[in-house]
Amino acid sequence: MIDLRVVEEFLNTLDERTFSRHGVPHQGADTLSAWVSTHQVADSAGAAELRAALRTSLSGVGVDPLAAFPIRLETFPDGRLRLASTVPDPALAVIVVAVAHAVADGTWHRLRLCAAPDCRRAFLDTSRNGAGRWCSMEVCGNRSKTRTYRNRKNT
């Protein structure tokens, strides 16, 4: 199994968190340009497009995560197979191939966006039953459960 953590890291280059923690407001940021330079990606516009497509797919809209970045199997005369991507940049092709492997082996559903509307951070659900909702039970899960409890007590 290809590790989806590389895809998780790539998706989290967009930090949309807007909540305050211990009275300190979180400052979201878009760190894609730093990721692009670290991974020596030549096509930063392609990286932004890929990230947007994958985040849209994870948001439950029903979009095929690889629709904009098709891949195919190439066969060689000696019987070997190779995944070929239409993504010209090797660093982005690694992301596309990791997603393709995850879709094929059924682990793609384990990569999620946090259910907290003021977070939306990508995380890999490692729970036994695959029902994780929050990127962090200590932060987002606790805030959600506390909010539900307070609403129930106040009504």
C-alpha atoms as a PDB file:
ATOM      1  CA  MET A   1       0.000   0.000   0.000  1.00  0.00           C
ATOM      2  CA  ILE A   2       1.321   3.432  -0.921  1.00  0.00           C
ATOM      3  CA  ASP A   3       1.350   5.787   2.040  1.00  0.00           C
ATOM      4  CA  LEU A   4      -1.394   8.393   1.762  1.00  0.00           C
ATOM      5  CA  ARG A   5       0.499  10.680   4.164  1.00  0.00           C
ATOM      6  CA  VAL A   6       2.250  12.331   1.206  1.00  0.00           C
ATOM      7  CA  VAL A   7      -1.202  13.176  -0.212  1.00  0.00           C
ATOM      8  CA  GLU A   8      -2.352  14.369   3.220  1.00  0.00           C
ATOM      9  CA  GLU A   9       0.690  16.661   3.477  1.00  0.00           C
ATOM     10  CA  PHE A  10       0.022  18.007  -0.017  1.00  0.00           C
ATOM     11  CA  LEU A  11      -3.660  18.691   0.740  1.00  0.00           C
ATOM     12  CA  ASN A  12      -2.796  20.464   3.989  1.00  0.00           C
ATOM     13  CA  THR A  13      -0.774  23.083   2.163  1.00  0.00           C
ATOM     14  CA  LEU A  14      -4.117  24.902   2.208  1.00  0.00           C
ATOM     15  CA  ASP A  15      -4.888  25.740   5.833  1.00  0.00           C
ATOM     16  CA  GLU A  16      -8.469  26.999   6.082  1.00  0.00           C
ATOM     17  CA  ARG A  17      -8.752  26.795   9.872  1.00  0.00           C
ATOM     18  CA  THR A  18     -10.508  29.840  11.335  1.00  0.00           C
ATOM     19  CA  PHE A  19     -11.097  28.868  14.973  1.00  0.00           C
ATOM     20  CA  SER A  20      -9.494  30.212  18.132  1.00  0.00           C
ATOM     21  CA  ARG A  21      -7.725  27.891  20.537  1.00  0.00           C
ATOM     22  CA  HIS A  22      -7.100  29.040  24.089  1.00  0.00           C
ATOM     23  CA  GLY A  23      -8.062  32.554  23.006  1.00  0.00           C
ATOM     24  CA  VAL A  24      -5.526  32.677  20.199  1.00  0.00           C
ATOM     25  CA  PRO A  25      -7.036  32.944  16.695  1.00  0.00           C
ATOM     26  CA  HIS A  26      -5.528  30.536  14.192  1.00  0.00           C
ATOM     27  CA  GLN A  27      -4.025  32.179  11.141  1.00  0.00           C
ATOM     28  CA  GLY A  28      -4.704  30.041   8.065  1.00  0.00           C
ATOM     29  CA  ALA A  29      -2.273  30.097   5.194  1.00  0.00           C
ATOM     30  CA  ASP A  30      -1.618  28.709   1.751  1.00  0.00           C
ATOM     31  CA  THR A  31       1.826  27.103   1.802  1.00  0.00           C
ATOM     32  CA  LEU A  32       1.615  25.515  -1.639  1.00  0.00           C
ATOM     33  CA  SER A  33       4.435  27.688  -3.006  1.00  0.00           C
ATOM     34  CA  ALA A  34       6.778  26.413  -0.256  1.00  0.00           C
ATOM     35  CA  TRP A  35       5.713  22.806  -0.984  1.00  0.00           C
ATOM     36  CA  VAL A  36       6.251  23.381  -4.717  1.00  0.00           C
ATOM     37  CA  SER A  37       9.792  24.684  -4.185  1.00  0.00           C
ATOM     38  CA  THR A  38      10.677  21.954  -1.637  1.00  0.00           C
ATOM     39  CA  HIS A  39       9.512  19.190  -3.989  1.00  0.00           C
ATOM     40  CA  GLN A  40      10.935  20.919  -7.080  1.00  0.00           C
ATOM     41  CA  VAL A  41       7.608  21.089  -8.895  1.00  0.00           C
ATOM     42  CA  ALA A  42       7.829  23.025 -12.135  1.00  0.00           C
ATOM     43  CA  ASP A  43       4.071  23.442 -12.633  1.00  0.00           C
ATOM     44  CA  SER A  44       2.687  25.385  -9.641  1.00  0.00           C
ATOM     45  CA  ALA A  45      -0.622  26.030 -11.436  1.00  0.00           C
ATOM     46  CA  GLY A  46      -0.997  22.278 -11.996  1.00  0.00           C
ATOM     47  CA  ALA A  47      -0.265  21.676  -8.302  1.00  0.00           C
ATOM     48  CA  ALA A  48      -2.987  24.140  -7.288  1.00  0.00           C
ATOM     49  CA  GLU A  49      -5.437  22.525  -9.721  1.00  0.00           C
ATOM     50  CA  LEU A  50      -4.630  19.027  -8.441  1.00  0.00           C
ATOM     51  CA  ARG A  51      -5.001  20.108  -4.808  1.00  0.00           C
ATOM     52  CA  ALA A  52      -8.365  21.758  -5.530  1.00  0.00           C
ATOM     53  CA  ALA A  53      -9.628  18.661  -7.372  1.00  0.00           C
ATOM     54  CA  LEU A  54      -8.594  16.326  -4.555  1.00  0.00           C
ATOM     55  CA  ARG A  55     -10.066  18.545  -1.821  1.00  0.00           C
ATOM     56  CA  THR A  56     -13.328  18.786  -3.788  1.00  0.00           C
ATOM     57  CA  SER A  57     -13.398  15.002  -4.077  1.00  0.00           C
ATOM     58  CA  LEU A  58     -12.883  14.621  -0.323  1.00  0.00           C
ATOM     59  CA  SER A  59     -15.628  17.117   0.482  1.00  0.00           C
ATOM     60  CA  GLY A  60     -18.200  14.534  -0.587  1.00  0.00           C
ATOM     61  CA  VAL A  61     -19.392  16.204  -3.759  1.00  0.00           C
ATOM     62  CA  GLY A  62     -19.047  12.917  -5.609  1.00  0.00           C
ATOM     63  CA  VAL A  63     -16.277  14.066  -7.928  1.00  0.00           C
ATOM     64  CA  ASP A  64     -13.822  11.487  -9.258  1.00  0.00           C
ATOM     65  CA  PRO A  65     -10.486  12.453  -7.665  1.00  0.00           C
ATOM     66  CA  LEU A  66      -8.576  11.661 -10.836  1.00  0.00           C
ATOM     67  CA  ALA A  67     -10.978  12.999 -13.469  1.00  0.00           C
ATOM     68  CA  ALA A  68      -8.747  15.944 -14.358  1.00  0.00           C
ATOM     69  CA  PHE A  69      -5.582  13.831 -14.138  1.00  0.00           C
ATOM     70  CA  PRO A  70      -6.215  10.522 -15.918  1.00  0.00           C
ATOM     71  CA  ILE A  71      -3.795   7.652 -15.638  1.00  0.00           C
ATOM     72  CA  ARG A  72      -3.440   4.521 -17.686  1.00  0.00           C
ATOM     73  CA  LEU A  73      -1.576   1.254 -17.619  1.00  0.00           C
ATOM     74  CA  GLU A  74       1.181   0.836 -20.166  1.00  0.00           C
ATOM     75  CA  THR A  75       2.156  -2.683 -21.109  1.00  0.00           C
ATOM     76  CA  PHE A  76       5.581  -3.730 -22.245  1.00  0.00           C
ATOM     77  CA  PRO A  77       6.405  -6.625 -24.625  1.00  0.00           C
ATOM     78  CA  ASP A  78       7.888  -8.624 -21.739  1.00  0.00           C
ATOM     79  CA  GLY A  79       4.569  -8.416 -19.840  1.00  0.00           C
ATOM     80  CA  ARG A  80       5.502  -5.699 -17.326  1.00  0.00           C
ATOM     81  CA  LEU A  81       2.948  -3.025 -16.487  1.00  0.00           C
ATOM     82  CA  ARG A  82       3.552   0.591 -15.590  1.00  0.00           C
ATOM     83  CA  LEU A  83       1.183   3.312 -14.443  1.00  0.00           C
ATOM     84  CA  ALA A  84       1.417   6.280 -16.769  1.00  0.00           C
ATOM     85  CA  SER A  85      -0.009   9.641 -15.819  1.00  0.00           C
ATOM     86  CA  THR A  86      -0.839  12.631 -17.976  1.00  0.00           C
ATOM     87  CA  VAL A  87       0.734  14.799 -15.278  1.00  0.00           C
ATOM     88  CA  PRO A  88       4.077  15.865 -16.735  1.00  0.00           C
ATOM     89  CA  ASP A  89       5.651  16.847 -13.400  1.00  0.00           C
ATOM     90  CA  PRO A  90       7.145  13.818 -11.570  1.00  0.00           C
ATOM     91  CA  ALA A  91       6.400  15.227  -8.089  1.00  0.00           C
ATOM     92  CA  LEU A  92       2.725  15.684  -8.950  1.00  0.00           C
ATOM     93  CA  ALA A  93       2.637  12.296 -10.679  1.00  0.00           C
ATOM     94  CA  VAL A  94       3.632  10.729  -7.339  1.00  0.00           C
ATOM     95  CA  ILE A  95       0.526  12.290  -5.781  1.00  0.00           C
ATOM     96  CA  VAL A  96      -1.711  11.117  -8.633  1.00  0.00           C
ATOM     97  CA  VAL A  97      -0.313   7.576  -8.507  1.00  0.00           C
ATOM     98  CA  ALA A  98      -0.736   7.456  -4.705  1.00  0.00           C
ATOM     99  CA  VAL A  99      -4.389   8.474  -5.106  1.00  0.00           C
ATOM    100  CA  ALA A 100      -4.879   5.908  -7.875  1.00  0.00           C
ATOM    101  CA  HIS A 101      -3.429   3.159  -5.679  1.00  0.00           C
ATOM    102  CA  ALA A 102      -5.636   4.234  -2.774  1.00  0.00           C
ATOM    103  CA  VAL A 103      -8.738   4.201  -4.965  1.00  0.00           C
ATOM    104  CA  ALA A 104      -7.796   0.775  -6.348  1.00  0.00           C
ATOM    105  CA  ASP A 105      -7.052  -0.827  -2.983  1.00  0.00           C
ATOM    106  CA  GLY A 106     -10.029   0.755  -1.211  1.00  0.00           C
ATOM    107  CA  THR A 107      -8.127   3.012   1.178  1.00  0.00           C
ATOM    108  CA  TRP A 108      -9.039   6.330  -0.474  1.00  0.00           C
ATOM    109  CA  HIS A 109     -12.110   6.628   1.781  1.00  0.00           C
ATOM    110  CA  ARG A 110      -9.717   6.759   4.780  1.00  0.00           C
ATOM    111  CA  LEU A 111      -8.408  10.161   3.675  1.00  0.00           C
ATOM    112  CA  ARG A 112     -10.914  12.769   4.829  1.00  0.00           C
ATOM    113  CA  LEU A 113     -11.498  16.418   5.512  1.00  0.00           C
ATOM    114  CA  CYS A 114     -12.208  17.311   9.128  1.00  0.00           C
ATOM    115  CA  ALA A 115     -15.947  17.562   9.837  1.00  0.00           C
ATOM    116  CA  ALA A 116     -15.481  20.829  11.738  1.00  0.00           C
ATOM    117  CA  PRO A 117     -16.634  23.583   9.358  1.00  0.00           C
ATOM    118  CA  ASP A 118     -14.010  25.976  10.743  1.00  0.00           C
ATOM    119  CA  CYS A 119     -11.167  23.500  10.190  1.00  0.00           C
ATOM    120  CA  ARG A 120     -11.464  21.311   7.041  1.00  0.00           C
ATOM    121  CA  ARG A 121      -7.946  19.922   7.489  1.00  0.00           C
ATOM    122  CA  ALA A 122      -7.154  16.688   5.620  1.00  0.00           C
ATOM    123  CA  PHE A 123      -6.388  13.684   7.808  1.00  0.00           C
ATOM    124  CA  LEU A 124      -5.845   9.972   7.423  1.00  0.00           C
ATOM    125  CA  ASP A 125      -8.463   8.080   9.434  1.00  0.00           C
ATOM    126  CA  THR A 126      -6.611   5.286  11.200  1.00  0.00           C
ATOM    127  CA  SER A 127      -9.502   4.242  13.449  1.00  0.00           C
ATOM    128  CA  ARG A 128     -10.405   0.565  13.406  1.00  0.00           C
ATOM    129  CA  ASN A 129     -13.897   1.064  11.974  1.00  0.00           C
ATOM    130  CA  GLY A 130     -12.979   3.955   9.677  1.00  0.00           C
ATOM    131  CA  ALA A 131     -15.520   6.327  11.202  1.00  0.00           C
ATOM    132  CA  GLY A 132     -13.198   9.163  12.269  1.00  0.00           C
ATOM    133  CA  ARG A 133     -14.721  12.601  11.755  1.00  0.00           C
ATOM    134  CA  TRP A 134     -12.189  15.056  13.102  1.00  0.00           C
ATOM    135  CA  CYS A 135      -8.536  15.694  12.368  1.00  0.00           C
ATOM    136  CA  SER A 136      -7.924  15.780  16.116  1.00  0.00           C
ATOM    137  CA  MET A 137     -10.248  14.514  18.818  1.00  0.00           C
ATOM    138  CA  GLU A 138      -8.466  16.807  21.308  1.00  0.00           C
ATOM    139  CA  VAL A 139      -9.189  19.959  19.306  1.00  0.00           C
ATOM    140  CA  CYS A 140     -11.986  19.668  16.744  1.00  0.00           C
ATOM    141  CA  GLY A 141     -13.764  16.685  18.300  1.00  0.00           C
ATOM    142  CA  ASN A 142     -13.729  18.242  21.750  1.00  0.00           C
ATOM    143  CA  ARG A 143     -15.050  21.590  20.461  1.00  0.00           C
ATOM    144  CA  SER A 144     -17.877  19.836  18.611  1.00  0.00           C
ATOM    145  CA  LYS A 145     -18.872  17.644  21.536  1.00  0.00           C
ATOM    146  CA  THR A 146     -18.682  20.562  23.984  1.00  0.00           C
ATOM    147  CA  ARG A 147     -20.846  22.687  21.677  1.00  0.00           C
ATOM    148  CA  THR A 148     -23.431  19.882  21.420  1.00  0.00           C
ATOM    149  CA  TYR A 149     -23.440  19.428  25.212  1.00  0.00           C
ATOM    150  CA  ARG A 150     -23.901  23.164  25.862  1.00  0.00           C
ATOM    151  CA  ASN A 151     -26.717  23.386  23.315  1.00  0.00           C
ATOM    152  CA  ARG A 152     -28.458  20.431  24.932  1.00  0.00           C
ATOM    153  CA  LYS A 153     -28.062  21.915  28.460  1.00  0.00           C
ATOM    154  CA  ASN A 154     -29.328  25.365  27.382  1.00  0.00           C
ATOM    155  CA  THR A 155     -32.546  24.110  25.791  1.00  0.00           C
END
